[in-house]
């Protein structure tokens, strides 16, 4: 009689591999690389353009005007920028200032004694207190010297300026109630001594500007202060020249002599 014999599946023989540090054998039940397992591929490096774009996006996401200062225009060449020059008996606007205020021939002077700001607003020829600020020749308009000793005298008193100097101020063109006008900060001035001749060559020496000493402590106003400086409401504290009798006198602490430094 034939007996039933149960056949068992043959067990897989373990694989023995050499141990690198010794002569023994290491037992492993895992398949080798030759049995289909591949190693992970290294990450692909970014191109130069991709790195630049990633940096740009990071800067854009984290940017803020906090801590920034707007560099003063007076620290940079501004020879051809709109400007006004005030002397002891006259005021002159440069041609750049004249040409950039559209077709204005007559203007009104408005001054804010408290904020130390002067606004130049275009007006019609027949308007009250209108001042002609340019000369028309053909299709061109050119600057002219505006004689106004009573006004400049009171202005020098207000600001504590020395009549020996002439003062140059940079104009800021702004829009107020749909009209363009110029705004001048009277405290942001450059002082110049009169021109003199070189005793040896006889040539005129170009005077160097004298800037307020506090300007050298910073690059300029903070972004917040700079934005606020352009805000203007002509109904708040602005006077026309014939109303300047209300201008308060300047204190001794605000004189120019104690608060300026020559810049080379």
C-alpha atoms as a PDB file:
ATOM      1  CA  UNK A   1       0.000   0.000   0.000  1.00  0.00           C
ATOM      2  CA  UNK A   2       1.241   3.429  -0.942  1.00  0.00           C
ATOM      3  CA  UNK A   3       1.284   6.024   1.817  1.00  0.00           C
ATOM      4  CA  UNK A   4       0.331   9.658   1.161  1.00  0.00           C
ATOM      5  CA  UNK A   5       3.398  11.840   1.608  1.00  0.00           C
ATOM      6  CA  UNK A   6       2.964  15.603   2.118  1.00  0.00           C
ATOM      7  CA  UNK A   7       5.475  17.561   0.127  1.00  0.00           C
ATOM      8  CA  UNK A   8       6.584  20.883   1.643  1.00  0.00           C
ATOM      9  CA  UNK A   9       7.821  23.819  -0.475  1.00  0.00           C
ATOM     10  CA  UNK A  10      11.511  24.283  -0.342  1.00  0.00           C
ATOM     11  CA  UNK A  11      12.594  27.245   1.732  1.00  0.00           C
ATOM     12  CA  UNK A  12      14.651  29.957   0.040  1.00  0.00           C
ATOM     13  CA  UNK A  13      18.231  29.699   1.041  1.00  0.00           C
ATOM     14  CA  UNK A  14      19.567  32.799   2.820  1.00  0.00           C
ATOM     15  CA  UNK A  15      22.160  34.878   1.004  1.00  0.00           C
ATOM     16  CA  UNK A  16      25.459  35.402   2.762  1.00  0.00           C
ATOM     17  CA  UNK A  17      27.518  38.515   1.921  1.00  0.00           C
ATOM     18  CA  UNK A  18      30.946  39.473   3.118  1.00  0.00           C
ATOM     19  CA  UNK A  19      31.154  41.960   5.949  1.00  0.00           C
ATOM     20  CA  UNK A  20      33.470  44.862   4.932  1.00  0.00           C
ATOM     21  CA  UNK A  21      35.104  45.118   8.347  1.00  0.00           C
ATOM     22  CA  UNK A  22      35.838  41.466   8.883  1.00  0.00           C
ATOM     23  CA  UNK A  23      36.083  38.063   7.394  1.00  0.00           C
ATOM     24  CA  UNK A  24      32.736  36.784   8.524  1.00  0.00           C
ATOM     25  CA  UNK A  25      29.547  36.476   6.563  1.00  0.00           C
ATOM     26  CA  UNK A  26      26.468  38.704   6.829  1.00  0.00           C
ATOM     27  CA  UNK A  27      23.097  37.170   6.339  1.00  0.00           C
ATOM     28  CA  UNK A  28      20.533  39.060   4.234  1.00  0.00           C
ATOM     29  CA  UNK A  29      17.064  38.090   3.141  1.00  0.00           C
ATOM     30  CA  UNK A  30      16.682  41.216   0.919  1.00  0.00           C
ATOM     31  CA  UNK A  31      17.196  41.168  -2.825  1.00  0.00           C
ATOM     32  CA  UNK A  32      20.309  42.788  -4.241  1.00  0.00           C
ATOM     33  CA  UNK A  33      20.474  45.749  -6.687  1.00  0.00           C
ATOM     34  CA  UNK A  34      20.661  43.294  -9.480  1.00  0.00           C
ATOM     35  CA  UNK A  35      17.132  42.178  -8.598  1.00  0.00           C
ATOM     36  CA  UNK A  36      15.422  45.457  -9.672  1.00  0.00           C
ATOM     37  CA  UNK A  37      15.908  48.082  -6.869  1.00  0.00           C
ATOM     38  CA  UNK A  38      17.321  51.459  -8.082  1.00  0.00           C
ATOM     39  CA  UNK A  39      18.953  54.217  -5.954  1.00  0.00           C
ATOM     40  CA  UNK A  40      17.201  57.685  -5.638  1.00  0.00           C
ATOM     41  CA  UNK A  41      18.125  60.278  -8.275  1.00  0.00           C
ATOM     42  CA  UNK A  42      19.793  63.580  -7.106  1.00  0.00           C
ATOM     43  CA  UNK A  43      17.604  66.753  -7.155  1.00  0.00           C
ATOM     44  CA  UNK A  44      17.863  68.858 -10.307  1.00  0.00           C
ATOM     45  CA  UNK A  45      19.771  72.126  -9.750  1.00  0.00           C
ATOM     46  CA  UNK A  46      18.043  75.453 -10.590  1.00  0.00           C
ATOM     47  CA  UNK A  47      19.170  77.511 -13.540  1.00  0.00           C
ATOM     48  CA  UNK A  48      20.547  81.038 -13.098  1.00  0.00           C
ATOM     49  CA  UNK A  49      17.271  82.554 -14.306  1.00  0.00           C
ATOM     50  CA  UNK A  50      15.255  80.418 -11.887  1.00  0.00           C
ATOM     51  CA  UNK A  51      17.465  81.445  -8.948  1.00  0.00           C
ATOM     52  CA  UNK A  52      17.106  85.115  -9.858  1.00  0.00           C
ATOM     53  CA  UNK A  53      13.325  84.822 -10.132  1.00  0.00           C
ATOM     54  CA  UNK A  54      13.151  83.048  -6.762  1.00  0.00           C
ATOM     55  CA  UNK A  55      15.194  85.840  -5.173  1.00  0.00           C
ATOM     56  CA  UNK A  56      13.005  88.514  -6.798  1.00  0.00           C
ATOM     57  CA  UNK A  57       9.825  86.884  -5.488  1.00  0.00           C
ATOM     58  CA  UNK A  58      11.326  86.670  -2.004  1.00  0.00           C
ATOM     59  CA  UNK A  59      12.323  90.371  -2.011  1.00  0.00           C
ATOM     60  CA  UNK A  60       8.915  91.368  -3.370  1.00  0.00           C
ATOM     61  CA  UNK A  61       7.059  89.421  -0.692  1.00  0.00           C
ATOM     62  CA  UNK A  62       9.088  90.936   2.171  1.00  0.00           C
ATOM     63  CA  UNK A  63       9.582  94.527   0.927  1.00  0.00           C
ATOM     64  CA  UNK A  64       8.448  97.504   2.994  1.00  0.00           C
ATOM     65  CA  UNK A  65       9.243 101.253   2.913  1.00  0.00           C
ATOM     66  CA  UNK A  66       9.787 101.120   6.676  1.00  0.00           C
ATOM     67  CA  UNK A  67      13.279 102.390   7.514  1.00  0.00           C
ATOM     68  CA  UNK A  68      13.931 103.888   4.061  1.00  0.00           C
ATOM     69  CA  UNK A  69      14.955 107.522   3.523  1.00  0.00           C
ATOM     70  CA  UNK A  70      14.339 109.485   0.324  1.00  0.00           C
ATOM     71  CA  UNK A  71      17.712 110.950  -0.670  1.00  0.00           C
ATOM     72  CA  UNK A  72      17.619 114.743  -0.864  1.00  0.00           C
ATOM     73  CA  UNK A  73      17.685 116.124  -4.371  1.00  0.00           C
ATOM     74  CA  UNK A  74      20.213 118.716  -3.190  1.00  0.00           C
ATOM     75  CA  UNK A  75      22.760 115.905  -2.674  1.00  0.00           C
ATOM     76  CA  UNK A  76      22.613 115.065  -6.392  1.00  0.00           C
ATOM     77  CA  UNK A  77      23.251 117.232  -9.431  1.00  0.00           C
ATOM     78  CA  UNK A  78      20.072 119.281 -10.001  1.00  0.00           C
ATOM     79  CA  UNK A  79      21.260 122.125 -12.163  1.00  0.00           C
ATOM     80  CA  UNK A  80      18.425 121.763 -14.662  1.00  0.00           C
ATOM     81  CA  UNK A  81      15.654 120.970 -12.168  1.00  0.00           C
ATOM     82  CA  UNK A  82      12.866 123.498 -11.412  1.00  0.00           C
ATOM     83  CA  UNK A  83      14.221 126.028  -8.916  1.00  0.00           C
ATOM     84  CA  UNK A  84      13.619 129.455  -7.412  1.00  0.00           C
ATOM     85  CA  UNK A  85      16.328 131.926  -6.342  1.00  0.00           C
ATOM     86  CA  UNK A  86      15.570 134.546  -3.696  1.00  0.00           C
ATOM     87  CA  UNK A  87      17.766 137.619  -3.241  1.00  0.00           C
ATOM     88  CA  UNK A  88      17.390 140.608  -0.976  1.00  0.00           C
ATOM     89  CA  UNK A  89      15.168 142.438  -3.447  1.00  0.00           C
ATOM     90  CA  UNK A  90      14.004 139.943  -6.064  1.00  0.00           C
ATOM     91  CA  UNK A  91      12.841 136.429  -6.908  1.00  0.00           C
ATOM     92  CA  UNK A  92      13.748 134.501 -10.066  1.00  0.00           C
ATOM     93  CA  UNK A  93      12.487 131.173 -11.381  1.00  0.00           C
ATOM     94  CA  UNK A  94      14.707 129.210 -13.768  1.00  0.00           C
ATOM     95  CA  UNK A  95      13.552 128.301 -17.277  1.00  0.00           C
ATOM     96  CA  UNK A  96      13.004 124.672 -16.271  1.00  0.00           C
ATOM     97  CA  UNK A  97      10.465 125.824 -13.702  1.00  0.00           C
ATOM     98  CA  UNK A  98       8.756 128.127 -16.207  1.00  0.00           C
ATOM     99  CA  UNK A  99       8.513 125.542 -18.974  1.00  0.00           C
ATOM    100  CA  UNK A 100       7.081 122.760 -16.811  1.00  0.00           C
ATOM    101  CA  UNK A 101       4.082 124.697 -15.552  1.00  0.00           C
ATOM    102  CA  UNK A 102       2.131 124.339 -18.772  1.00  0.00           C
ATOM    103  CA  UNK A 103       1.286 127.735 -20.318  1.00  0.00           C
ATOM    104  CA  UNK A 104       1.102 129.812 -17.152  1.00  0.00           C
ATOM    105  CA  UNK A 105       2.209 133.427 -17.611  1.00  0.00           C
ATOM    106  CA  UNK A 106       0.801 134.843 -14.378  1.00  0.00           C
ATOM    107  CA  UNK A 107       0.981 133.284 -10.915  1.00  0.00           C
ATOM    108  CA  UNK A 108       0.024 134.019  -7.331  1.00  0.00           C
ATOM    109  CA  UNK A 109       2.406 133.688  -4.392  1.00  0.00           C
ATOM    110  CA  UNK A 110       0.936 131.958  -1.336  1.00  0.00           C
ATOM    111  CA  UNK A 111       2.959 131.521   1.824  1.00  0.00           C
ATOM    112  CA  UNK A 112       2.346 129.449   4.946  1.00  0.00           C
ATOM    113  CA  UNK A 113       4.317 131.115   7.778  1.00  0.00           C
ATOM    114  CA  UNK A 114       3.762 128.221  10.174  1.00  0.00           C
ATOM    115  CA  UNK A 115       4.878 125.431   7.870  1.00  0.00           C
ATOM    116  CA  UNK A 116       7.505 127.592   6.118  1.00  0.00           C
ATOM    117  CA  UNK A 117       6.210 126.728   2.661  1.00  0.00           C
ATOM    118  CA  UNK A 118       5.684 128.845  -0.444  1.00  0.00           C
ATOM    119  CA  UNK A 119       3.197 127.823  -3.140  1.00  0.00           C
ATOM    120  CA  UNK A 120       3.195 129.181  -6.693  1.00  0.00           C
ATOM    121  CA  UNK A 121      -0.244 128.870  -8.272  1.00  0.00           C
ATOM    122  CA  UNK A 122      -1.083 129.757 -11.917  1.00  0.00           C
ATOM    123  CA  UNK A 123      -3.798 132.359 -12.398  1.00  0.00           C
ATOM    124  CA  UNK A 124      -5.374 134.581 -15.034  1.00  0.00           C
ATOM    125  CA  UNK A 125      -3.793 137.874 -16.019  1.00  0.00           C
ATOM    126  CA  UNK A 126      -6.533 139.944 -14.439  1.00  0.00           C
ATOM    127  CA  UNK A 127      -6.724 137.977 -11.192  1.00  0.00           C
ATOM    128  CA  UNK A 128      -6.118 139.798  -7.921  1.00  0.00           C
ATOM    129  CA  UNK A 129      -2.460 139.658  -6.772  1.00  0.00           C
ATOM    130  CA  UNK A 130      -1.400 138.160 -10.132  1.00  0.00           C
ATOM    131  CA  UNK A 131       2.346 138.360 -10.811  1.00  0.00           C
ATOM    132  CA  UNK A 132       3.894 137.950 -14.234  1.00  0.00           C
ATOM    133  CA  UNK A 133       6.673 135.421 -13.821  1.00  0.00           C
ATOM    134  CA  UNK A 134       7.952 135.001 -17.377  1.00  0.00           C
ATOM    135  CA  UNK A 135       8.641 136.815 -20.628  1.00  0.00           C
ATOM    136  CA  UNK A 136       7.070 135.593 -23.885  1.00  0.00           C
ATOM    137  CA  UNK A 137       9.133 135.806 -27.059  1.00  0.00           C
ATOM    138  CA  UNK A 138       7.418 134.189 -30.001  1.00  0.00           C
ATOM    139  CA  UNK A 139       6.425 130.714 -28.915  1.00  0.00           C
ATOM    140  CA  UNK A 140       8.947 130.598 -26.073  1.00  0.00           C
ATOM    141  CA  UNK A 141       8.628 131.650 -22.468  1.00  0.00           C
ATOM    142  CA  UNK A 142      11.681 132.715 -20.502  1.00  0.00           C
ATOM    143  CA  UNK A 143      12.331 133.562 -16.894  1.00  0.00           C
ATOM    144  CA  UNK A 144      12.356 137.142 -15.641  1.00  0.00           C
ATOM    145  CA  UNK A 145      13.581 138.788 -12.458  1.00  0.00           C
ATOM    146  CA  UNK A 146      10.646 139.725 -10.235  1.00  0.00           C
ATOM    147  CA  UNK A 147      11.468 142.784  -8.127  1.00  0.00           C
ATOM    148  CA  UNK A 148       9.696 142.506  -4.784  1.00  0.00           C
ATOM    149  CA  UNK A 149      11.778 144.047  -1.983  1.00  0.00           C
ATOM    150  CA  UNK A 150       8.878 144.461   0.517  1.00  0.00           C
ATOM    151  CA  UNK A 151       8.025 140.770   0.164  1.00  0.00           C
ATOM    152  CA  UNK A 152      11.601 139.437   0.255  1.00  0.00           C
ATOM    153  CA  UNK A 153      12.384 141.669   3.250  1.00  0.00           C
ATOM    154  CA  UNK A 154       9.568 140.107   5.251  1.00  0.00           C
ATOM    155  CA  UNK A 155      10.573 136.663   3.945  1.00  0.00           C
ATOM    156  CA  UNK A 156      14.166 137.120   5.131  1.00  0.00           C
ATOM    157  CA  UNK A 157      12.852 138.242   8.515  1.00  0.00           C
ATOM    158  CA  UNK A 158      10.566 135.216   8.759  1.00  0.00           C
ATOM    159  CA  UNK A 159      13.326 132.742   7.948  1.00  0.00           C
ATOM    160  CA  UNK A 160      16.154 134.524   9.762  1.00  0.00           C
ATOM    161  CA  UNK A 161      18.193 134.642   6.543  1.00  0.00           C
ATOM    162  CA  UNK A 162      21.283 136.781   6.022  1.00  0.00           C
ATOM    163  CA  UNK A 163      20.828 139.412   3.304  1.00  0.00           C
ATOM    164  CA  UNK A 164      24.422 138.827   2.210  1.00  0.00           C
ATOM    165  CA  UNK A 165      23.403 135.464   0.731  1.00  0.00           C
ATOM    166  CA  UNK A 166      21.133 134.432  -2.084  1.00  0.00           C
ATOM    167  CA  UNK A 167      19.001 131.359  -1.483  1.00  0.00           C
ATOM    168  CA  UNK A 168      18.117 128.645  -3.960  1.00  0.00           C
ATOM    169  CA  UNK A 169      15.172 126.293  -3.423  1.00  0.00           C
ATOM    170  CA  UNK A 170      14.099 123.260  -5.446  1.00  0.00           C
ATOM    171  CA  UNK A 171      10.479 123.225  -6.597  1.00  0.00           C
ATOM    172  CA  UNK A 172       8.111 120.293  -6.291  1.00  0.00           C
ATOM    173  CA  UNK A 173       5.322 120.150  -8.855  1.00  0.00           C
ATOM    174  CA  UNK A 174       2.121 118.787  -7.324  1.00  0.00           C
ATOM    175  CA  UNK A 175      -1.547 118.557  -8.193  1.00  0.00           C
ATOM    176  CA  UNK A 176      -4.086 120.336  -6.034  1.00  0.00           C
ATOM    177  CA  UNK A 177      -7.801 120.139  -6.783  1.00  0.00           C
ATOM    178  CA  UNK A 178      -7.107 119.302 -10.426  1.00  0.00           C
ATOM    179  CA  UNK A 179      -4.569 122.105 -10.994  1.00  0.00           C
ATOM    180  CA  UNK A 180      -0.784 121.954 -11.152  1.00  0.00           C
ATOM    181  CA  UNK A 181       1.268 124.180  -8.883  1.00  0.00           C
ATOM    182  CA  UNK A 182       4.756 124.419  -7.400  1.00  0.00           C
ATOM    183  CA  UNK A 183       5.509 123.908  -3.735  1.00  0.00           C
ATOM    184  CA  UNK A 184       8.736 125.198  -2.163  1.00  0.00           C
ATOM    185  CA  UNK A 185       9.933 124.193   1.288  1.00  0.00           C
ATOM    186  CA  UNK A 186      11.640 127.349   2.586  1.00  0.00           C
ATOM    187  CA  UNK A 187      13.664 125.359   5.126  1.00  0.00           C
ATOM    188  CA  UNK A 188      15.216 123.230   2.366  1.00  0.00           C
ATOM    189  CA  UNK A 189      17.442 125.936   0.982  1.00  0.00           C
ATOM    190  CA  UNK A 190      20.933 126.264  -0.419  1.00  0.00           C
ATOM    191  CA  UNK A 191      22.730 129.483   0.526  1.00  0.00           C
ATOM    192  CA  UNK A 192      25.293 131.092  -1.794  1.00  0.00           C
ATOM    193  CA  UNK A 193      27.718 133.915  -1.192  1.00  0.00           C
ATOM    194  CA  UNK A 194      28.004 136.579  -3.924  1.00  0.00           C
ATOM    195  CA  UNK A 195      30.278 135.743  -6.834  1.00  0.00           C
ATOM    196  CA  UNK A 196      33.843 136.949  -6.569  1.00  0.00           C
ATOM    197  CA  UNK A 197      36.835 137.057  -8.904  1.00  0.00           C
ATOM    198  CA  UNK A 198      40.063 135.165  -8.480  1.00  0.00           C
ATOM    199  CA  UNK A 199      42.704 137.806  -7.671  1.00  0.00           C
ATOM    200  CA  UNK A 200      45.287 136.028  -9.823  1.00  0.00           C
ATOM    201  CA  UNK A 201      43.306 135.012 -12.918  1.00  0.00           C
ATOM    202  CA  UNK A 202      40.496 137.538 -12.755  1.00  0.00           C
ATOM    203  CA  UNK A 203      37.953 134.789 -13.466  1.00  0.00           C
ATOM    204  CA  UNK A 204      34.677 134.561 -11.588  1.00  0.00           C
ATOM    205  CA  UNK A 205      34.722 131.903  -8.885  1.00  0.00           C
ATOM    206  CA  UNK A 206      31.630 129.757  -8.683  1.00  0.00           C
ATOM    207  CA  UNK A 207      30.341 129.918  -5.092  1.00  0.00           C
ATOM    208  CA  UNK A 208      29.710 126.648  -3.308  1.00  0.00           C
ATOM    209  CA  UNK A 209      26.345 125.963  -1.674  1.00  0.00           C
ATOM    210  CA  UNK A 210      25.983 126.081   2.082  1.00  0.00           C
ATOM    211  CA  UNK A 211      23.502 123.465   3.295  1.00  0.00           C
ATOM    212  CA  UNK A 212      21.785 123.138   6.692  1.00  0.00           C
ATOM    213  CA  UNK A 213      24.038 121.170   9.031  1.00  0.00           C
ATOM    214  CA  UNK A 214      21.257 118.767  10.066  1.00  0.00           C
ATOM    215  CA  UNK A 215      21.060 117.515   6.494  1.00  0.00           C
ATOM    216  CA  UNK A 216      24.438 115.841   6.874  1.00  0.00           C
ATOM    217  CA  UNK A 217      23.101 113.604   9.654  1.00  0.00           C
ATOM    218  CA  UNK A 218      20.778 111.683   7.311  1.00  0.00           C
ATOM    219  CA  UNK A 219      20.322 110.970   3.606  1.00  0.00           C
ATOM    220  CA  UNK A 220      16.911 112.652   3.654  1.00  0.00           C
ATOM    221  CA  UNK A 221      13.395 112.391   5.018  1.00  0.00           C
ATOM    222  CA  UNK A 222      11.810 109.068   5.854  1.00  0.00           C
ATOM    223  CA  UNK A 223       9.265 107.840   3.316  1.00  0.00           C
ATOM    224  CA  UNK A 224       6.431 108.750   5.687  1.00  0.00           C
ATOM    225  CA  UNK A 225       7.768 112.288   6.251  1.00  0.00           C
ATOM    226  CA  UNK A 226       8.472 112.731   2.555  1.00  0.00           C
ATOM    227  CA  UNK A 227       4.893 111.795   1.656  1.00  0.00           C
ATOM    228  CA  UNK A 228       3.475 114.131   4.299  1.00  0.00           C
ATOM    229  CA  UNK A 229       5.622 117.018   3.004  1.00  0.00           C
ATOM    230  CA  UNK A 230       3.715 116.998  -0.298  1.00  0.00           C
ATOM    231  CA  UNK A 231       0.338 117.344   1.368  1.00  0.00           C
ATOM    232  CA  UNK A 232      -1.120 120.822   0.954  1.00  0.00           C
ATOM    233  CA  UNK A 233      -4.387 122.556   1.666  1.00  0.00           C
ATOM    234  CA  UNK A 234      -4.373 126.143   0.416  1.00  0.00           C
ATOM    235  CA  UNK A 235      -7.230 126.975   2.764  1.00  0.00           C
ATOM    236  CA  UNK A 236      -5.080 126.147   5.796  1.00  0.00           C
ATOM    237  CA  UNK A 237      -2.702 128.929   6.820  1.00  0.00           C
ATOM    238  CA  UNK A 238      -1.617 130.206   3.396  1.00  0.00           C
ATOM    239  CA  UNK A 239      -1.351 133.958   2.885  1.00  0.00           C
ATOM    240  CA  UNK A 240      -0.855 136.106  -0.201  1.00  0.00           C
ATOM    241  CA  UNK A 241       1.913 138.752  -0.228  1.00  0.00           C
ATOM    242  CA  UNK A 242      -0.448 141.613   0.673  1.00  0.00           C
ATOM    243  CA  UNK A 243      -1.510 139.646   3.761  1.00  0.00           C
ATOM    244  CA  UNK A 244       2.033 139.078   4.986  1.00  0.00           C
ATOM    245  CA  UNK A 245       1.734 141.605   7.834  1.00  0.00           C
ATOM    246  CA  UNK A 246       0.591 138.641   9.925  1.00  0.00           C
ATOM    247  CA  UNK A 247       3.896 136.807   9.510  1.00  0.00           C
ATOM    248  CA  UNK A 248       5.473 136.224  12.958  1.00  0.00           C
ATOM    249  CA  UNK A 249       9.034 137.240  13.685  1.00  0.00           C
ATOM    250  CA  UNK A 250      11.751 134.614  13.689  1.00  0.00           C
ATOM    251  CA  UNK A 251      13.403 133.489  16.914  1.00  0.00           C
ATOM    252  CA  UNK A 252      17.167 133.703  17.384  1.00  0.00           C
ATOM    253  CA  UNK A 253      17.501 129.900  17.531  1.00  0.00           C
ATOM    254  CA  UNK A 254      16.458 129.639  13.888  1.00  0.00           C
ATOM    255  CA  UNK A 255      19.104 131.912  12.389  1.00  0.00           C
ATOM    256  CA  UNK A 256      21.072 130.541   9.502  1.00  0.00           C
ATOM    257  CA  UNK A 257      24.511 131.396  10.852  1.00  0.00           C
ATOM    258  CA  UNK A 258      24.248 128.881  13.692  1.00  0.00           C
ATOM    259  CA  UNK A 259      22.809 126.111  11.595  1.00  0.00           C
ATOM    260  CA  UNK A 260      24.781 125.796   8.371  1.00  0.00           C
ATOM    261  CA  UNK A 261      27.862 124.001   7.107  1.00  0.00           C
ATOM    262  CA  UNK A 262      29.732 124.417   3.847  1.00  0.00           C
ATOM    263  CA  UNK A 263      29.706 121.379   1.540  1.00  0.00           C
ATOM    264  CA  UNK A 264      32.647 120.765  -0.798  1.00  0.00           C
END
